[in-house]
Amino acid sequence: MKKKLLTFLIVLTSLSGYCQQLYMEYGSTISSFDYKNSQGRPLNNLLSTSKSYFGMGYRHTLNDAKTLFLKAGATYNSYGAIGSESSVDNFFAWDVSYLGIKAGVDVKLFQLRDLTFFLNGSVASEFLVRGNQTINNDVFNLVGEDEFNNNILFFRGGLIMQYPISSSTAIYAGYSIGKSVLINSGESEEKLKLNAHQFGIGFIINLPTCYCDF
């Protein structure tokens, strides 16, 4: 027990020597659904829609060179799609929102004066908090439905451009592309994947104990 406590204190002390930051971001999500029914047939004529997302969390360096950053935080993502089936004269629309816990890394690629470019990768566990489906003039609540209510894993990768606006604050813009792992209801064997492109801007703020430049 004493050895574990000592190890924890050593790790905590070592992390405190690195740059510790908070981040906040807001942007737009262009999403699409990849859906197959219980017979394995896809639903054609599905079009992507634009929704919004929000994220915030903690960020700190993992090395003295400040080329590798660890990030962890919370996200609120909205996804949607619209479509139609001419053979049965139906119109479909989905509007869903997921709350998630996200972890990832930023890897520094290169720097042009004060403008720094990062490669970003992340994974998030998300669960449905709000959603509805519209079929013609009828609206259905999706909370509790197997095809949407399962926890999903979302993998994302993208690029970030960061620019300092003061000694303690930087602004950044980023793009990422992501895909969820397969969602399977188990009973009906319906299958659904979510695809998303995200464009956003955000701020990074040094914590008071952080004495590092951007």
C-alpha atoms as a PDB file:
ATOM      1  CA  MET A   1       0.000   0.000   0.000  1.00  0.00           C
ATOM      2  CA  LYS A   2       2.822   2.383   0.888  1.00  0.00           C
ATOM      3  CA  LYS A   3       4.576   1.591  -2.392  1.00  0.00           C
ATOM      4  CA  LYS A   4       1.407   2.357  -4.389  1.00  0.00           C
ATOM      5  CA  LEU A   5       0.932   5.644  -2.534  1.00  0.00           C
ATOM      6  CA  LEU A   6       4.559   6.598  -3.141  1.00  0.00           C
ATOM      7  CA  THR A   7       4.249   5.764  -6.844  1.00  0.00           C
ATOM      8  CA  PHE A   8       1.070   7.854  -7.120  1.00  0.00           C
ATOM      9  CA  LEU A   9       2.783  10.835  -5.443  1.00  0.00           C
ATOM     10  CA  ILE A  10       5.766  10.560  -7.779  1.00  0.00           C
ATOM     11  CA  VAL A  11       3.512  10.496 -10.857  1.00  0.00           C
ATOM     12  CA  LEU A  12       1.439  13.412  -9.536  1.00  0.00           C
ATOM     13  CA  THR A  13       4.560  15.442  -8.830  1.00  0.00           C
ATOM     14  CA  SER A  14       5.986  14.755 -12.265  1.00  0.00           C
ATOM     15  CA  LEU A  15       2.742  15.779 -13.997  1.00  0.00           C
ATOM     16  CA  SER A  16       2.561  19.019 -12.027  1.00  0.00           C
ATOM     17  CA  GLY A  17       5.837  20.048 -13.668  1.00  0.00           C
ATOM     18  CA  TYR A  18       4.267  20.034 -17.101  1.00  0.00           C
ATOM     19  CA  CYS A  19       1.994  22.624 -18.653  1.00  0.00           C
ATOM     20  CA  GLN A  20      -1.602  22.270 -17.457  1.00  0.00           C
ATOM     21  CA  GLN A  21      -4.418  23.895 -19.434  1.00  0.00           C
ATOM     22  CA  LEU A  22      -8.168  24.075 -19.908  1.00  0.00           C
ATOM     23  CA  TYR A  23      -9.849  24.112 -23.310  1.00  0.00           C
ATOM     24  CA  MET A  24     -13.307  24.972 -24.666  1.00  0.00           C
ATOM     25  CA  GLU A  25     -14.576  24.524 -28.215  1.00  0.00           C
ATOM     26  CA  TYR A  26     -17.716  25.022 -30.245  1.00  0.00           C
ATOM     27  CA  GLY A  27     -18.506  24.169 -33.826  1.00  0.00           C
ATOM     28  CA  SER A  28     -20.595  22.498 -36.494  1.00  0.00           C
ATOM     29  CA  THR A  29     -21.118  18.788 -37.141  1.00  0.00           C
ATOM     30  CA  ILE A  30     -22.069  17.513 -40.589  1.00  0.00           C
ATOM     31  CA  SER A  31     -23.377  14.016 -39.930  1.00  0.00           C
ATOM     32  CA  SER A  32     -24.756  11.093 -41.880  1.00  0.00           C
ATOM     33  CA  PHE A  33     -26.288   7.739 -40.952  1.00  0.00           C
ATOM     34  CA  ASP A  34     -25.346   4.350 -42.364  1.00  0.00           C
ATOM     35  CA  TYR A  35     -28.432   2.237 -41.667  1.00  0.00           C
ATOM     36  CA  LYS A  36     -29.367  -1.362 -42.531  1.00  0.00           C
ATOM     37  CA  ASN A  37     -32.624  -3.043 -41.559  1.00  0.00           C
ATOM     38  CA  SER A  38     -33.031  -6.537 -40.099  1.00  0.00           C
ATOM     39  CA  GLN A  39     -32.811  -8.029 -43.605  1.00  0.00           C
ATOM     40  CA  GLY A  40     -29.461  -6.288 -44.197  1.00  0.00           C
ATOM     41  CA  ARG A  41     -30.931  -3.827 -46.708  1.00  0.00           C
ATOM     42  CA  PRO A  42     -29.654  -0.232 -46.546  1.00  0.00           C
ATOM     43  CA  LEU A  43     -31.981   2.746 -46.449  1.00  0.00           C
ATOM     44  CA  ASN A  44     -31.184   4.744 -49.574  1.00  0.00           C
ATOM     45  CA  ASN A  45     -31.610   8.465 -50.175  1.00  0.00           C
ATOM     46  CA  LEU A  46     -30.249   9.467 -46.757  1.00  0.00           C
ATOM     47  CA  LEU A  47     -28.749  12.956 -46.749  1.00  0.00           C
ATOM     48  CA  SER A  48     -26.435  14.528 -44.189  1.00  0.00           C
ATOM     49  CA  THR A  49     -27.460  17.490 -42.025  1.00  0.00           C
ATOM     50  CA  SER A  50     -25.584  20.148 -40.083  1.00  0.00           C
ATOM     51  CA  LYS A  51     -25.839  20.327 -36.278  1.00  0.00           C
ATOM     52  CA  SER A  52     -23.708  21.836 -33.512  1.00  0.00           C
ATOM     53  CA  TYR A  53     -21.338  20.451 -30.889  1.00  0.00           C
ATOM     54  CA  PHE A  54     -19.653  21.688 -27.712  1.00  0.00           C
ATOM     55  CA  GLY A  55     -16.672  20.403 -25.773  1.00  0.00           C
ATOM     56  CA  MET A  56     -14.533  21.338 -22.806  1.00  0.00           C
ATOM     57  CA  GLY A  57     -11.846  19.694 -20.707  1.00  0.00           C
ATOM     58  CA  TYR A  58      -8.283  19.456 -19.486  1.00  0.00           C
ATOM     59  CA  ARG A  59      -5.014  19.393 -21.470  1.00  0.00           C
ATOM     60  CA  HIS A  60      -1.391  18.977 -20.437  1.00  0.00           C
ATOM     61  CA  THR A  61       1.953  18.173 -21.998  1.00  0.00           C
ATOM     62  CA  LEU A  62       3.485  14.726 -21.828  1.00  0.00           C
ATOM     63  CA  ASN A  63       7.067  15.757 -22.633  1.00  0.00           C
ATOM     64  CA  ASP A  64       9.475  18.653 -22.077  1.00  0.00           C
ATOM     65  CA  ALA A  65       9.570  19.470 -25.790  1.00  0.00           C
ATOM     66  CA  LYS A  66       5.815  20.247 -25.713  1.00  0.00           C
ATOM     67  CA  THR A  67       5.147  18.184 -28.811  1.00  0.00           C
ATOM     68  CA  LEU A  68       2.709  15.705 -27.239  1.00  0.00           C
ATOM     69  CA  PHE A  69      -0.426  16.702 -25.295  1.00  0.00           C
ATOM     70  CA  LEU A  70      -2.991  14.590 -23.478  1.00  0.00           C
ATOM     71  CA  LYS A  71      -6.622  15.764 -23.480  1.00  0.00           C
ATOM     72  CA  ALA A  72      -9.647  14.598 -21.493  1.00  0.00           C
ATOM     73  CA  GLY A  73     -13.077  16.173 -21.233  1.00  0.00           C
ATOM     74  CA  ALA A  74     -16.800  16.146 -21.898  1.00  0.00           C
ATOM     75  CA  THR A  75     -18.696  16.611 -25.169  1.00  0.00           C
ATOM     76  CA  TYR A  76     -22.223  17.356 -26.293  1.00  0.00           C
ATOM     77  CA  ASN A  77     -22.776  16.313 -29.918  1.00  0.00           C
ATOM     78  CA  SER A  78     -25.863  16.570 -32.095  1.00  0.00           C
ATOM     79  CA  TYR A  79     -26.314  14.414 -35.192  1.00  0.00           C
ATOM     80  CA  GLY A  80     -28.997  14.235 -37.838  1.00  0.00           C
ATOM     81  CA  ALA A  81     -30.049  12.918 -41.224  1.00  0.00           C
ATOM     82  CA  ILE A  82     -32.968  13.250 -43.607  1.00  0.00           C
ATOM     83  CA  GLY A  83     -34.224  10.944 -46.334  1.00  0.00           C
ATOM     84  CA  SER A  84     -37.171   9.581 -48.244  1.00  0.00           C
ATOM     85  CA  GLU A  85     -38.477   6.354 -49.710  1.00  0.00           C
ATOM     86  CA  SER A  86     -40.368   7.027 -52.922  1.00  0.00           C
ATOM     87  CA  SER A  87     -41.781   3.494 -53.168  1.00  0.00           C
ATOM     88  CA  VAL A  88     -43.882   4.031 -50.028  1.00  0.00           C
ATOM     89  CA  ASP A  89     -44.066   7.851 -50.271  1.00  0.00           C
ATOM     90  CA  ASN A  90     -42.357   8.382 -46.883  1.00  0.00           C
ATOM     91  CA  PHE A  91     -40.175  11.202 -45.560  1.00  0.00           C
ATOM     92  CA  PHE A  92     -37.692  10.510 -42.735  1.00  0.00           C
ATOM     93  CA  ALA A  93     -35.730  12.823 -40.427  1.00  0.00           C
ATOM     94  CA  TRP A  94     -33.581  12.159 -37.360  1.00  0.00           C
ATOM     95  CA  ASP A  95     -32.367  14.647 -34.761  1.00  0.00           C
ATOM     96  CA  VAL A  96     -30.347  13.165 -31.864  1.00  0.00           C
ATOM     97  CA  SER A  97     -27.997  14.502 -29.170  1.00  0.00           C
ATOM     98  CA  TYR A  98     -25.360  12.526 -27.272  1.00  0.00           C
ATOM     99  CA  LEU A  99     -23.425  13.383 -24.105  1.00  0.00           C
ATOM    100  CA  GLY A 100     -19.946  11.920 -24.021  1.00  0.00           C
ATOM    101  CA  ILE A 101     -16.637  11.511 -22.224  1.00  0.00           C
ATOM    102  CA  LYS A 102     -13.670  12.046 -24.516  1.00  0.00           C
ATOM    103  CA  ALA A 103      -9.922  11.323 -24.335  1.00  0.00           C
ATOM    104  CA  GLY A 104      -7.276  11.998 -26.933  1.00  0.00           C
ATOM    105  CA  VAL A 105      -3.841  13.290 -27.864  1.00  0.00           C
ATOM    106  CA  ASP A 106      -2.501  16.273 -29.814  1.00  0.00           C
ATOM    107  CA  VAL A 107       0.799  15.670 -31.636  1.00  0.00           C
ATOM    108  CA  LYS A 108       2.747  18.716 -32.841  1.00  0.00           C
ATOM    109  CA  LEU A 109       3.518  18.527 -36.563  1.00  0.00           C
ATOM    110  CA  PHE A 110       5.303  21.812 -37.281  1.00  0.00           C
ATOM    111  CA  GLN A 111       5.259  25.524 -36.495  1.00  0.00           C
ATOM    112  CA  LEU A 112       5.187  28.614 -38.728  1.00  0.00           C
ATOM    113  CA  ARG A 113       6.201  31.517 -36.494  1.00  0.00           C
ATOM    114  CA  ASP A 114       3.419  31.661 -33.885  1.00  0.00           C
ATOM    115  CA  LEU A 115       1.039  29.359 -35.786  1.00  0.00           C
ATOM    116  CA  THR A 116       1.323  25.729 -34.627  1.00  0.00           C
ATOM    117  CA  PHE A 117      -0.185  22.707 -36.382  1.00  0.00           C
ATOM    118  CA  PHE A 118      -1.228  19.559 -34.506  1.00  0.00           C
ATOM    119  CA  LEU A 119      -2.472  16.119 -35.499  1.00  0.00           C
ATOM    120  CA  ASN A 120      -5.311  15.047 -33.222  1.00  0.00           C
ATOM    121  CA  GLY A 121      -6.798  11.671 -32.392  1.00  0.00           C
ATOM    122  CA  SER A 122      -9.505  10.823 -29.863  1.00  0.00           C
ATOM    123  CA  VAL A 123     -12.034   8.273 -28.683  1.00  0.00           C
ATOM    124  CA  ALA A 124     -15.312   9.110 -26.932  1.00  0.00           C
ATOM    125  CA  SER A 125     -17.964   7.109 -25.153  1.00  0.00           C
ATOM    126  CA  GLU A 126     -21.345   8.714 -25.878  1.00  0.00           C
ATOM    127  CA  PHE A 127     -24.912   8.010 -24.792  1.00  0.00           C
ATOM    128  CA  LEU A 128     -28.220   9.389 -26.029  1.00  0.00           C
ATOM    129  CA  VAL A 129     -29.789  12.213 -23.991  1.00  0.00           C
ATOM    130  CA  ARG A 130     -32.290  13.544 -26.533  1.00  0.00           C
ATOM    131  CA  GLY A 131     -33.638  12.400 -29.876  1.00  0.00           C
ATOM    132  CA  ASN A 132     -36.598  12.140 -32.192  1.00  0.00           C
ATOM    133  CA  GLN A 133     -37.499  10.603 -35.509  1.00  0.00           C
ATOM    134  CA  THR A 134     -39.969  12.136 -37.936  1.00  0.00           C
ATOM    135  CA  ILE A 135     -41.850   9.967 -40.421  1.00  0.00           C
ATOM    136  CA  ASN A 136     -44.040  12.149 -42.621  1.00  0.00           C
ATOM    137  CA  ASN A 137     -46.027  14.170 -40.044  1.00  0.00           C
ATOM    138  CA  ASP A 138     -45.480  11.814 -37.094  1.00  0.00           C
ATOM    139  CA  VAL A 139     -42.715  12.414 -34.514  1.00  0.00           C
ATOM    140  CA  PHE A 140     -41.335   9.569 -32.353  1.00  0.00           C
ATOM    141  CA  ASN A 141     -39.165   9.790 -29.247  1.00  0.00           C
ATOM    142  CA  LEU A 142     -35.959   7.747 -29.679  1.00  0.00           C
ATOM    143  CA  VAL A 143     -34.870   7.687 -26.036  1.00  0.00           C
ATOM    144  CA  GLY A 144     -35.109   4.050 -24.966  1.00  0.00           C
ATOM    145  CA  GLU A 145     -34.991   2.659 -28.507  1.00  0.00           C
ATOM    146  CA  ASP A 146     -32.291  -0.020 -28.886  1.00  0.00           C
ATOM    147  CA  GLU A 147     -30.917   1.263 -32.180  1.00  0.00           C
ATOM    148  CA  PHE A 148     -30.034   4.651 -30.624  1.00  0.00           C
ATOM    149  CA  ASN A 149     -29.984   4.163 -26.851  1.00  0.00           C
ATOM    150  CA  ASN A 150     -26.860   1.998 -26.599  1.00  0.00           C
ATOM    151  CA  ASN A 151     -23.617   3.608 -25.507  1.00  0.00           C
ATOM    152  CA  ILE A 152     -21.502   4.177 -28.606  1.00  0.00           C
ATOM    153  CA  LEU A 153     -17.775   4.578 -29.149  1.00  0.00           C
ATOM    154  CA  PHE A 154     -16.797   7.366 -31.518  1.00  0.00           C
ATOM    155  CA  PHE A 155     -13.303   7.471 -33.041  1.00  0.00           C
ATOM    156  CA  ARG A 156     -12.063  10.763 -34.518  1.00  0.00           C
ATOM    157  CA  GLY A 157      -8.948  12.112 -36.171  1.00  0.00           C
ATOM    158  CA  GLY A 158      -8.090  15.514 -37.576  1.00  0.00           C
ATOM    159  CA  LEU A 159      -5.945  18.644 -37.686  1.00  0.00           C
ATOM    160  CA  ILE A 160      -5.709  21.649 -35.358  1.00  0.00           C
ATOM    161  CA  MET A 161      -4.205  25.122 -35.945  1.00  0.00           C
ATOM    162  CA  GLN A 162      -3.257  26.989 -32.749  1.00  0.00           C
ATOM    163  CA  TYR A 163      -2.334  30.674 -32.387  1.00  0.00           C
ATOM    164  CA  PRO A 164      -1.473  32.527 -29.138  1.00  0.00           C
ATOM    165  CA  ILE A 165      -3.400  35.717 -28.368  1.00  0.00           C
ATOM    166  CA  SER A 166      -1.659  36.352 -25.019  1.00  0.00           C
ATOM    167  CA  SER A 167       0.921  34.745 -22.758  1.00  0.00           C
ATOM    168  CA  SER A 168      -1.812  32.637 -21.122  1.00  0.00           C
ATOM    169  CA  THR A 169      -4.407  32.116 -23.874  1.00  0.00           C
ATOM    170  CA  ALA A 170      -4.448  30.663 -27.369  1.00  0.00           C
ATOM    171  CA  ILE A 171      -7.164  30.372 -29.975  1.00  0.00           C
ATOM    172  CA  TYR A 172      -7.438  27.357 -32.255  1.00  0.00           C
ATOM    173  CA  ALA A 173      -9.435  26.054 -35.202  1.00  0.00           C
ATOM    174  CA  GLY A 174      -9.813  22.427 -36.119  1.00  0.00           C
ATOM    175  CA  TYR A 175     -11.314  19.840 -38.406  1.00  0.00           C
ATOM    176  CA  SER A 176     -11.953  16.177 -37.620  1.00  0.00           C
ATOM    177  CA  ILE A 177     -13.601  13.210 -39.257  1.00  0.00           C
ATOM    178  CA  GLY A 178     -15.142  10.456 -37.175  1.00  0.00           C
ATOM    179  CA  LYS A 179     -17.090   7.218 -37.235  1.00  0.00           C
ATOM    180  CA  SER A 180     -18.917   5.295 -34.547  1.00  0.00           C
ATOM    181  CA  VAL A 181     -18.438   1.605 -33.988  1.00  0.00           C
ATOM    182  CA  LEU A 182     -21.339  -0.612 -35.008  1.00  0.00           C
ATOM    183  CA  ILE A 183     -24.549  -0.214 -33.048  1.00  0.00           C
ATOM    184  CA  ASN A 184     -26.569  -3.432 -33.038  1.00  0.00           C
ATOM    185  CA  SER A 185     -29.931  -3.790 -31.330  1.00  0.00           C
ATOM    186  CA  GLY A 186     -29.445  -7.552 -30.902  1.00  0.00           C
ATOM    187  CA  GLU A 187     -33.160  -8.344 -31.198  1.00  0.00           C
ATOM    188  CA  SER A 188     -34.093  -6.924 -34.579  1.00  0.00           C
ATOM    189  CA  GLU A 189     -30.534  -7.111 -35.985  1.00  0.00           C
ATOM    190  CA  GLU A 190     -30.885  -3.580 -37.326  1.00  0.00           C
ATOM    191  CA  LYS A 191     -27.493  -1.926 -37.779  1.00  0.00           C
ATOM    192  CA  LEU A 192     -26.580   1.735 -37.552  1.00  0.00           C
ATOM    193  CA  LYS A 193     -23.318   3.686 -37.873  1.00  0.00           C
ATOM    194  CA  LEU A 194     -22.867   7.424 -37.417  1.00  0.00           C
ATOM    195  CA  ASN A 195     -20.405   9.390 -39.546  1.00  0.00           C
ATOM    196  CA  ALA A 196     -19.408  12.953 -38.736  1.00  0.00           C
ATOM    197  CA  HIS A 197     -17.261  15.816 -40.016  1.00  0.00           C
ATOM    198  CA  GLN A 198     -16.641  18.529 -37.420  1.00  0.00           C
ATOM    199  CA  PHE A 199     -15.386  22.099 -37.877  1.00  0.00           C
ATOM    200  CA  GLY A 200     -14.820  24.157 -34.740  1.00  0.00           C
ATOM    201  CA  ILE A 201     -12.977  26.932 -32.947  1.00  0.00           C
ATOM    202  CA  GLY A 202     -11.881  27.079 -29.333  1.00  0.00           C
ATOM    203  CA  PHE A 203      -9.692  28.570 -26.635  1.00  0.00           C
ATOM    204  CA  ILE A 204      -6.866  27.095 -24.565  1.00  0.00           C
ATOM    205  CA  ILE A 205      -6.158  28.758 -21.213  1.00  0.00           C
ATOM    206  CA  ASN A 206      -3.155  28.108 -18.979  1.00  0.00           C
ATOM    207  CA  LEU A 207      -4.003  27.242 -15.385  1.00  0.00           C
ATOM    208  CA  PRO A 208      -2.575  29.612 -12.722  1.00  0.00           C
ATOM    209  CA  THR A 209       0.102  27.043 -11.814  1.00  0.00           C
ATOM    210  CA  CYS A 210       1.179  26.678 -15.437  1.00  0.00           C
ATOM    211  CA  TYR A 211       4.234  28.677 -16.433  1.00  0.00           C
ATOM    212  CA  CYS A 212       4.541  27.795 -20.085  1.00  0.00           C
ATOM    213  CA  ASP A 213       4.357  29.721 -23.337  1.00  0.00           C
ATOM    214  CA  PHE A 214       2.389  28.636 -26.376  1.00  0.00           C
END
